[in-house]
mmCIF file of all heavy atoms, coordinates in Angstrom:
data_MODEL
# 
_entry.id   MODEL 
# 
loop_
_atom_site.group_PDB 
_atom_site.id 
_atom_site.type_symbol 
_atom_site.label_atom_id 
_atom_site.label_alt_id 
_atom_site.label_comp_id 
_atom_site.label_asym_id 
_atom_site.label_entity_id 
_atom_site.label_seq_id 
_atom_site.pdbx_PDB_ins_code 
_atom_site.Cartn_x 
_atom_site.Cartn_y 
_atom_site.Cartn_z 
_atom_site.occupancy 
_atom_site.B_iso_or_equiv 
_atom_site.pdbx_formal_charge 
_atom_site.auth_seq_id 
_atom_site.auth_comp_id 
_atom_site.auth_asym_id 
_atom_site.auth_atom_id 
_atom_site.pdbx_PDB_model_num 
ATOM 1   N N   . MET A 1 1  ? 0.834   -1.223 -0.042 1.00 0.00 ? 1  MET A N   1 
ATOM 2   C CA  . MET A 1 1  ? -0.031  0.063  0.013  1.00 0.00 ? 1  MET A CA  1 
ATOM 3   C C   . MET A 1 1  ? 0.852   1.257  0.016  1.00 0.00 ? 1  MET A C   1 
ATOM 4   O O   . MET A 1 1  ? 1.885   1.292  0.520  1.00 0.00 ? 1  MET A O   1 
ATOM 5   C CB  . MET A 1 1  ? -0.909  0.007  1.241  1.00 0.00 ? 1  MET A CB  1 
ATOM 6   C CG  . MET A 1 1  ? -2.168  -0.921 1.078  1.00 0.00 ? 1  MET A CG  1 
ATOM 7   S SD  . MET A 1 1  ? -3.093  -0.474 -0.455 1.00 0.00 ? 1  MET A SD  1 
ATOM 8   C CE  . MET A 1 1  ? -3.510  1.275  -0.221 1.00 0.00 ? 1  MET A CE  1 
ATOM 9   N N   . LEU A 1 2  ? 0.377   2.351  -0.610 1.00 0.00 ? 2  LEU A N   1 
ATOM 10  C CA  . LEU A 1 2  ? 0.994   3.654  -0.515 1.00 0.00 ? 2  LEU A CA  1 
ATOM 11  C C   . LEU A 1 2  ? 0.616   4.351  0.657  1.00 0.00 ? 2  LEU A C   1 
ATOM 12  O O   . LEU A 1 2  ? -0.672  4.488  0.895  1.00 0.00 ? 2  LEU A O   1 
ATOM 13  C CB  . LEU A 1 2  ? 0.515   4.436  -1.811 1.00 0.00 ? 2  LEU A CB  1 
ATOM 14  C CG  . LEU A 1 2  ? 0.899   3.736  -3.198 1.00 0.00 ? 2  LEU A CG  1 
ATOM 15  C CD1 . LEU A 1 2  ? 0.421   4.653  -4.331 1.00 0.00 ? 2  LEU A CD1 1 
ATOM 16  C CD2 . LEU A 1 2  ? 2.442   3.488  -3.313 1.00 0.00 ? 2  LEU A CD2 1 
ATOM 17  N N   . LYS A 1 3  ? 1.519   4.849  1.387  1.00 0.00 ? 3  LYS A N   1 
ATOM 18  C CA  . LYS A 1 3  ? 1.260   5.609  2.620  1.00 0.00 ? 3  LYS A CA  1 
ATOM 19  C C   . LYS A 1 3  ? 0.877   7.046  2.307  1.00 0.00 ? 3  LYS A C   1 
ATOM 20  O O   . LYS A 1 3  ? 1.686   7.627  1.471  1.00 0.00 ? 3  LYS A O   1 
ATOM 21  C CB  . LYS A 1 3  ? 2.519   5.609  3.552  1.00 0.00 ? 3  LYS A CB  1 
ATOM 22  C CG  . LYS A 1 3  ? 2.301   6.244  4.906  1.00 0.00 ? 3  LYS A CG  1 
ATOM 23  C CD  . LYS A 1 3  ? 3.618   6.435  5.655  1.00 0.00 ? 3  LYS A CD  1 
ATOM 24  C CE  . LYS A 1 3  ? 3.314   7.196  6.872  1.00 0.00 ? 3  LYS A CE  1 
ATOM 25  N NZ  . LYS A 1 3  ? 4.560   7.429  7.664  1.00 0.00 ? 3  LYS A NZ  1 
ATOM 26  N N   . ILE A 1 4  ? -0.125  7.508  2.865  1.00 0.00 ? 4  ILE A N   1 
ATOM 27  C CA  . ILE A 1 4  ? -0.528  8.906  2.631  1.00 0.00 ? 4  ILE A CA  1 
ATOM 28  C C   . ILE A 1 4  ? -0.375  9.594  4.050  1.00 0.00 ? 4  ILE A C   1 
ATOM 29  O O   . ILE A 1 4  ? -0.924  9.267  4.901  1.00 0.00 ? 4  ILE A O   1 
ATOM 30  C CB  . ILE A 1 4  ? -2.025  8.962  2.076  1.00 0.00 ? 4  ILE A CB  1 
ATOM 31  C CG1 . ILE A 1 4  ? -2.149  8.312  0.665  1.00 0.00 ? 4  ILE A CG1 1 
ATOM 32  C CG2 . ILE A 1 4  ? -2.447  10.468 1.997  1.00 0.00 ? 4  ILE A CG2 1 
ATOM 33  C CD1 . ILE A 1 4  ? -3.553  8.100  0.324  1.00 0.00 ? 4  ILE A CD1 1 
ATOM 34  N N   . GLU A 1 5  ? 0.393   10.673 3.965  1.00 0.00 ? 5  GLU A N   1 
ATOM 35  C CA  . GLU A 1 5  ? 0.565   11.395 5.239  1.00 0.00 ? 5  GLU A CA  1 
ATOM 36  C C   . GLU A 1 5  ? -0.641  12.063 5.709  1.00 0.00 ? 5  GLU A C   1 
ATOM 37  O O   . GLU A 1 5  ? -1.574  12.464 5.107  1.00 0.00 ? 5  GLU A O   1 
ATOM 38  C CB  . GLU A 1 5  ? 1.606   12.563 4.967  1.00 0.00 ? 5  GLU A CB  1 
ATOM 39  C CG  . GLU A 1 5  ? 3.124   12.118 4.658  1.00 0.00 ? 5  GLU A CG  1 
ATOM 40  C CD  . GLU A 1 5  ? 3.851   11.539 5.891  1.00 0.00 ? 5  GLU A CD  1 
ATOM 41  O OE1 . GLU A 1 5  ? 3.322   11.859 6.917  1.00 0.00 ? 5  GLU A OE1 1 
ATOM 42  O OE2 . GLU A 1 5  ? 4.748   10.852 5.668  1.00 0.00 ? 5  GLU A OE2 1 
ATOM 43  N N   . GLU A 1 6  ? -0.667  11.993 7.204  1.00 0.00 ? 6  GLU A N   1 
ATOM 44  C CA  . GLU A 1 6  ? -1.990  12.490 7.785  1.00 0.00 ? 6  GLU A CA  1 
ATOM 45  C C   . GLU A 1 6  ? -1.987  13.999 7.793  1.00 0.00 ? 6  GLU A C   1 
ATOM 46  O O   . GLU A 1 6  ? -0.930  14.667 7.751  1.00 0.00 ? 6  GLU A O   1 
ATOM 47  C CB  . GLU A 1 6  ? -1.895  11.982 9.197  1.00 0.00 ? 6  GLU A CB  1 
ATOM 48  C CG  . GLU A 1 6  ? -2.115  10.420 9.415  1.00 0.00 ? 6  GLU A CG  1 
ATOM 49  C CD  . GLU A 1 6  ? -3.612  10.000 8.799  1.00 0.00 ? 6  GLU A CD  1 
ATOM 50  O OE1 . GLU A 1 6  ? -4.477  10.681 9.292  1.00 0.00 ? 6  GLU A OE1 1 
ATOM 51  O OE2 . GLU A 1 6  ? -3.518  9.117  8.091  1.00 0.00 ? 6  GLU A OE2 1 
ATOM 52  N N   . PRO A 1 7  ? -3.216  14.678 7.839  1.00 0.00 ? 7  PRO A N   1 
ATOM 53  C CA  . PRO A 1 7  ? -3.290  16.120 7.861  1.00 0.00 ? 7  PRO A CA  1 
ATOM 54  C C   . PRO A 1 7  ? -2.655  16.629 9.160  1.00 0.00 ? 7  PRO A C   1 
ATOM 55  O O   . PRO A 1 7  ? -2.565  15.916 10.175 1.00 0.00 ? 7  PRO A O   1 
ATOM 56  C CB  . PRO A 1 7  ? -4.849  16.347 7.792  1.00 0.00 ? 7  PRO A CB  1 
ATOM 57  C CG  . PRO A 1 7  ? -5.421  15.216 7.277  1.00 0.00 ? 7  PRO A CG  1 
ATOM 58  C CD  . PRO A 1 7  ? -4.519  14.088 7.594  1.00 0.00 ? 7  PRO A CD  1 
ATOM 59  N N   . THR A 1 8  ? -2.174  17.879 9.169  1.00 0.00 ? 8  THR A N   1 
ATOM 60  C CA  . THR A 1 8  ? -1.677  18.583 10.302 1.00 0.00 ? 8  THR A CA  1 
ATOM 61  C C   . THR A 1 8  ? -2.590  19.742 10.809 1.00 0.00 ? 8  THR A C   1 
ATOM 62  O O   . THR A 1 8  ? -2.301  20.167 11.921 1.00 0.00 ? 8  THR A O   1 
ATOM 63  C CB  . THR A 1 8  ? -0.154  19.043 10.176 1.00 0.00 ? 8  THR A CB  1 
ATOM 64  O OG1 . THR A 1 8  ? -0.275  19.914 8.961  1.00 0.00 ? 8  THR A OG1 1 
ATOM 65  C CG2 . THR A 1 8  ? 0.682   17.870 9.718  1.00 0.00 ? 8  THR A CG2 1 
ATOM 66  N N   . LEU A 1 9  ? -3.313  20.253 9.875  1.00 0.00 ? 9  LEU A N   1 
ATOM 67  C CA  . LEU A 1 9  ? -4.153  21.481 10.314 1.00 0.00 ? 9  LEU A CA  1 
ATOM 68  C C   . LEU A 1 9  ? -5.552  21.170 9.957  1.00 0.00 ? 9  LEU A C   1 
ATOM 69  O O   . LEU A 1 9  ? -5.976  20.571 8.985  1.00 0.00 ? 9  LEU A O   1 
ATOM 70  C CB  . LEU A 1 9  ? -3.651  22.660 9.468  1.00 0.00 ? 9  LEU A CB  1 
ATOM 71  C CG  . LEU A 1 9  ? -2.492  23.574 10.015 1.00 0.00 ? 9  LEU A CG  1 
ATOM 72  C CD1 . LEU A 1 9  ? -2.322  24.700 9.147  1.00 0.00 ? 9  LEU A CD1 1 
ATOM 73  C CD2 . LEU A 1 9  ? -2.752  24.007 11.378 1.00 0.00 ? 9  LEU A CD2 1 
ATOM 74  N N   . SER A 1 10 ? -6.436  21.809 10.742 1.00 0.00 ? 10 SER A N   1 
ATOM 75  C CA  . SER A 1 10 ? -7.928  21.692 10.527 1.00 0.00 ? 10 SER A CA  1 
ATOM 76  C C   . SER A 1 10 ? -8.588  23.082 10.608 1.00 0.00 ? 10 SER A C   1 
ATOM 77  O O   . SER A 1 10 ? -8.040  24.009 11.218 1.00 0.00 ? 10 SER A O   1 
ATOM 78  C CB  . SER A 1 10 ? -8.701  20.795 11.337 1.00 0.00 ? 10 SER A CB  1 
ATOM 79  O OG  . SER A 1 10 ? -8.640  21.257 12.700 1.00 0.00 ? 10 SER A OG  1 
ATOM 80  N N   . MET A 1 11 ? -9.593  23.271 9.826  1.00 0.00 ? 11 MET A N   1 
ATOM 81  C CA  . MET A 1 11 ? -10.437 24.576 9.792  1.00 0.00 ? 11 MET A CA  1 
ATOM 82  C C   . MET A 1 11 ? -11.863 24.234 9.674  1.00 0.00 ? 11 MET A C   1 
ATOM 83  O O   . MET A 1 11 ? -12.230 23.219 9.095  1.00 0.00 ? 11 MET A O   1 
ATOM 84  C CB  . MET A 1 11 ? -10.038 25.464 8.660  1.00 0.00 ? 11 MET A CB  1 
ATOM 85  C CG  . MET A 1 11 ? -8.588  25.994 8.701  1.00 0.00 ? 11 MET A CG  1 
ATOM 86  S SD  . MET A 1 11 ? -8.135  26.817 7.119  1.00 0.00 ? 11 MET A SD  1 
ATOM 87  C CE  . MET A 1 11 ? -9.197  28.210 7.208  1.00 0.00 ? 11 MET A CE  1 
ATOM 88  N N   . ASN A 1 12 ? -12.742 25.052 10.268 1.00 0.00 ? 12 ASN A N   1 
ATOM 89  C CA  . ASN A 1 12 ? -14.160 24.889 10.215 1.00 0.00 ? 12 ASN A CA  1 
ATOM 90  C C   . ASN A 1 12 ? -14.674 25.696 8.898  1.00 0.00 ? 12 ASN A C   1 
ATOM 91  O O   . ASN A 1 12 ? -14.338 26.884 8.816  1.00 0.00 ? 12 ASN A O   1 
ATOM 92  C CB  . ASN A 1 12 ? -14.913 25.283 11.419 1.00 0.00 ? 12 ASN A CB  1 
ATOM 93  C CG  . ASN A 1 12 ? -14.781 24.313 12.490 1.00 0.00 ? 12 ASN A CG  1 
ATOM 94  O OD1 . ASN A 1 12 ? -14.519 23.200 12.180 1.00 0.00 ? 12 ASN A OD1 1 
ATOM 95  N ND2 . ASN A 1 12 ? -14.923 24.787 13.773 1.00 0.00 ? 12 ASN A ND2 1 
ATOM 96  N N   . PHE A 1 13 ? -15.251 24.940 8.109  1.00 0.00 ? 13 PHE A N   1 
ATOM 97  C CA  . PHE A 1 13 ? -15.972 25.628 6.797  1.00 0.00 ? 13 PHE A CA  1 
ATOM 98  C C   . PHE A 1 13 ? -17.379 25.728 7.213  1.00 0.00 ? 13 PHE A C   1 
ATOM 99  O O   . PHE A 1 13 ? -18.129 24.778 7.437  1.00 0.00 ? 13 PHE A O   1 
ATOM 100 C CB  . PHE A 1 13 ? -15.724 24.845 5.588  1.00 0.00 ? 13 PHE A CB  1 
ATOM 101 C CG  . PHE A 1 13 ? -14.466 24.771 4.846  1.00 0.00 ? 13 PHE A CG  1 
ATOM 102 C CD1 . PHE A 1 13 ? -13.213 25.006 5.699  1.00 0.00 ? 13 PHE A CD1 1 
ATOM 103 C CD2 . PHE A 1 13 ? -14.287 24.671 3.576  1.00 0.00 ? 13 PHE A CD2 1 
ATOM 104 C CE1 . PHE A 1 13 ? -12.038 24.941 5.241  1.00 0.00 ? 13 PHE A CE1 1 
ATOM 105 C CE2 . PHE A 1 13 ? -13.008 24.571 2.978  1.00 0.00 ? 13 PHE A CE2 1 
ATOM 106 C CZ  . PHE A 1 13 ? -11.873 24.828 3.780  1.00 0.00 ? 13 PHE A CZ  1 
ATOM 107 N N   . MET A 1 14 ? -17.887 26.937 7.181  1.00 0.00 ? 14 MET A N   1 
ATOM 108 C CA  . MET A 1 14 ? -19.254 27.264 7.531  1.00 0.00 ? 14 MET A CA  1 
ATOM 109 C C   . MET A 1 14 ? -20.062 28.083 6.509  1.00 0.00 ? 14 MET A C   1 
ATOM 110 O O   . MET A 1 14 ? -19.543 28.797 5.652  1.00 0.00 ? 14 MET A O   1 
ATOM 111 C CB  . MET A 1 14 ? -19.167 28.178 8.794  1.00 0.00 ? 14 MET A CB  1 
ATOM 112 C CG  . MET A 1 14 ? -18.581 27.441 10.100 1.00 0.00 ? 14 MET A CG  1 
ATOM 113 S SD  . MET A 1 14 ? -18.376 28.632 11.411 1.00 0.00 ? 14 MET A SD  1 
ATOM 114 C CE  . MET A 1 14 ? -16.560 28.985 11.080 1.00 0.00 ? 14 MET A CE  1 
ATOM 115 N N   . VAL A 1 15 ? -21.356 27.851 6.595  1.00 0.00 ? 15 VAL A N   1 
ATOM 116 C CA  . VAL A 1 15 ? -22.260 28.697 5.773  1.00 0.00 ? 15 VAL A CA  1 
ATOM 117 C C   . VAL A 1 15 ? -22.254 30.043 6.107  1.00 0.00 ? 15 VAL A C   1 
ATOM 118 O O   . VAL A 1 15 ? -22.079 30.457 7.323  1.00 0.00 ? 15 VAL A O   1 
ATOM 119 C CB  . VAL A 1 15 ? -23.763 28.269 5.944  1.00 0.00 ? 15 VAL A CB  1 
ATOM 120 C CG1 . VAL A 1 15 ? -24.791 29.159 5.210  1.00 0.00 ? 15 VAL A CG1 1 
ATOM 121 C CG2 . VAL A 1 15 ? -23.921 26.746 5.512  1.00 0.00 ? 15 VAL A CG2 1 
ATOM 122 N N   . ASN A 1 16 ? -22.022 30.987 5.263  1.00 0.00 ? 16 ASN A N   1 
ATOM 123 C CA  . ASN A 1 16 ? -21.812 32.468 5.564  1.00 0.00 ? 16 ASN A CA  1 
ATOM 124 C C   . ASN A 1 16 ? -23.262 32.959 6.026  1.00 0.00 ? 16 ASN A C   1 
ATOM 125 O O   . ASN A 1 16 ? -24.297 32.930 5.366  1.00 0.00 ? 16 ASN A O   1 
ATOM 126 C CB  . ASN A 1 16 ? -21.457 33.137 4.283  1.00 0.00 ? 16 ASN A CB  1 
ATOM 127 C CG  . ASN A 1 16 ? -21.305 34.693 4.477  1.00 0.00 ? 16 ASN A CG  1 
ATOM 128 O OD1 . ASN A 1 16 ? -21.045 35.084 5.640  1.00 0.00 ? 16 ASN A OD1 1 
ATOM 129 N ND2 . ASN A 1 16 ? -21.296 35.386 3.452  1.00 0.00 ? 16 ASN A ND2 1 
ATOM 130 N N   . ASP A 1 17 ? -23.171 33.536 7.281  1.00 0.00 ? 17 ASP A N   1 
ATOM 131 C CA  . ASP A 1 17 ? -24.403 33.987 7.829  1.00 0.00 ? 17 ASP A CA  1 
ATOM 132 C C   . ASP A 1 17 ? -24.262 35.508 8.283  1.00 0.00 ? 17 ASP A C   1 
ATOM 133 O O   . ASP A 1 17 ? -25.036 36.057 9.094  1.00 0.00 ? 17 ASP A O   1 
ATOM 134 C CB  . ASP A 1 17 ? -24.860 33.194 9.071  1.00 0.00 ? 17 ASP A CB  1 
ATOM 135 C CG  . ASP A 1 17 ? -23.829 33.330 10.224 1.00 0.00 ? 17 ASP A CG  1 
ATOM 136 O OD1 . ASP A 1 17 ? -22.762 33.991 10.059 1.00 0.00 ? 17 ASP A OD1 1 
ATOM 137 O OD2 . ASP A 1 17 ? -23.999 32.865 11.427 1.00 0.00 ? 17 ASP A OD2 1 
ATOM 138 N N   . SER A 1 18 ? -23.389 36.185 7.560  1.00 0.00 ? 18 SER A N   1 
ATOM 139 C CA  . SER A 1 18 ? -23.204 37.637 7.831  1.00 0.00 ? 18 SER A CA  1 
ATOM 140 C C   . SER A 1 18 ? -24.340 38.425 7.200  1.00 0.00 ? 18 SER A C   1 
ATOM 141 O O   . SER A 1 18 ? -25.134 37.852 6.302  1.00 0.00 ? 18 SER A O   1 
ATOM 142 C CB  . SER A 1 18 ? -21.884 38.153 7.199  1.00 0.00 ? 18 SER A CB  1 
ATOM 143 O OG  . SER A 1 18 ? -22.207 38.467 5.822  1.00 0.00 ? 18 SER A OG  1 
ATOM 144 N N   . PRO A 1 19 ? -24.584 39.683 7.579  1.00 0.00 ? 19 PRO A N   1 
ATOM 145 C CA  . PRO A 1 19 ? -25.639 40.485 7.000  1.00 0.00 ? 19 PRO A CA  1 
ATOM 146 C C   . PRO A 1 19 ? -25.588 40.601 5.545  1.00 0.00 ? 19 PRO A C   1 
ATOM 147 O O   . PRO A 1 19 ? -26.628 40.980 4.940  1.00 0.00 ? 19 PRO A O   1 
ATOM 148 C CB  . PRO A 1 19 ? -25.445 41.864 7.725  1.00 0.00 ? 19 PRO A CB  1 
ATOM 149 C CG  . PRO A 1 19 ? -24.774 41.505 8.982  1.00 0.00 ? 19 PRO A CG  1 
ATOM 150 C CD  . PRO A 1 19 ? -23.876 40.424 8.737  1.00 0.00 ? 19 PRO A CD  1 
ATOM 151 N N   . PHE A 1 20 ? -24.300 40.311 4.875  1.00 0.00 ? 20 PHE A N   1 
ATOM 152 C CA  . PHE A 1 20 ? -24.239 40.577 3.369  1.00 0.00 ? 20 PHE A CA  1 
ATOM 153 C C   . PHE A 1 20 ? -24.189 39.129 2.748  1.00 0.00 ? 20 PHE A C   1 
ATOM 154 O O   . PHE A 1 20 ? -24.014 39.118 1.463  1.00 0.00 ? 20 PHE A O   1 
ATOM 155 C CB  . PHE A 1 20 ? -22.783 41.248 3.183  1.00 0.00 ? 20 PHE A CB  1 
ATOM 156 C CG  . PHE A 1 20 ? -22.769 42.708 3.573  1.00 0.00 ? 20 PHE A CG  1 
ATOM 157 C CD1 . PHE A 1 20 ? -21.493 43.281 3.602  1.00 0.00 ? 20 PHE A CD1 1 
ATOM 158 C CD2 . PHE A 1 20 ? -23.914 43.326 4.027  1.00 0.00 ? 20 PHE A CD2 1 
ATOM 159 C CE1 . PHE A 1 20 ? -21.515 44.552 4.047  1.00 0.00 ? 20 PHE A CE1 1 
ATOM 160 C CE2 . PHE A 1 20 ? -23.854 44.818 4.423  1.00 0.00 ? 20 PHE A CE2 1 
ATOM 161 C CZ  . PHE A 1 20 ? -22.567 45.329 4.416  1.00 0.00 ? 20 PHE A CZ  1 
ATOM 162 N N   . ALA A 1 21 ? -24.691 38.214 3.521  1.00 0.00 ? 21 ALA A N   1 
ATOM 163 C CA  . ALA A 1 21 ? -24.648 36.836 2.892  1.00 0.00 ? 21 ALA A CA  1 
ATOM 164 C C   . ALA A 1 21 ? -25.677 36.744 1.684  1.00 0.00 ? 21 ALA A C   1 
ATOM 165 O O   . ALA A 1 21 ? -26.691 37.269 1.675  1.00 0.00 ? 21 ALA A O   1 
ATOM 166 C CB  . ALA A 1 21 ? -25.147 35.732 3.925  1.00 0.00 ? 21 ALA A CB  1 
ATOM 167 N N   . GLY A 1 22 ? -25.133 35.998 0.613  1.00 0.00 ? 22 GLY A N   1 
ATOM 168 C CA  . GLY A 1 22 ? -26.008 35.745 -0.596 1.00 0.00 ? 22 GLY A CA  1 
ATOM 169 C C   . GLY A 1 22 ? -25.969 36.962 -1.656 1.00 0.00 ? 22 GLY A C   1 
ATOM 170 O O   . GLY A 1 22 ? -26.613 36.835 -2.651 1.00 0.00 ? 22 GLY A O   1 
ATOM 171 N N   . GLN A 1 23 ? -25.381 38.090 -1.384 1.00 0.00 ? 23 GLN A N   1 
ATOM 172 C CA  . GLN A 1 23 ? -25.214 39.117 -2.239 1.00 0.00 ? 23 GLN A CA  1 
ATOM 173 C C   . GLN A 1 23 ? -24.364 38.896 -3.469 1.00 0.00 ? 23 GLN A C   1 
ATOM 174 O O   . GLN A 1 23 ? -24.589 39.408 -4.554 1.00 0.00 ? 23 GLN A O   1 
ATOM 175 C CB  . GLN A 1 23 ? -24.799 40.350 -1.551 1.00 0.00 ? 23 GLN A CB  1 
ATOM 176 C CG  . GLN A 1 23 ? -25.809 40.867 -0.469 1.00 0.00 ? 23 GLN A CG  1 
ATOM 177 C CD  . GLN A 1 23 ? -25.293 42.205 0.181  1.00 0.00 ? 23 GLN A CD  1 
ATOM 178 O OE1 . GLN A 1 23 ? -24.354 42.749 -0.279 1.00 0.00 ? 23 GLN A OE1 1 
ATOM 179 N NE2 . GLN A 1 23 ? -26.132 42.717 1.149  1.00 0.00 ? 23 GLN A NE2 1 
ATOM 180 N N   . ALA A 1 24 ? -23.338 38.123 -3.324 1.00 0.00 ? 24 ALA A N   1 
ATOM 181 C CA  . ALA A 1 24 ? -22.341 37.972 -4.419 1.00 0.00 ? 24 ALA A CA  1 
ATOM 182 C C   . ALA A 1 24 ? -22.172 36.413 -4.836 1.00 0.00 ? 24 ALA A C   1 
ATOM 183 O O   . ALA A 1 24 ? -21.838 36.179 -6.032 1.00 0.00 ? 24 ALA A O   1 
ATOM 184 C CB  . ALA A 1 24 ? -20.938 38.352 -3.954 1.00 0.00 ? 24 ALA A CB  1 
# 
């Protein structure tokens, strides 16, 4: 098997809920 390195960083991707959401 080919070894695939594990991730080192994570981020939360969220639905944009700002007052300007959906304008662009």
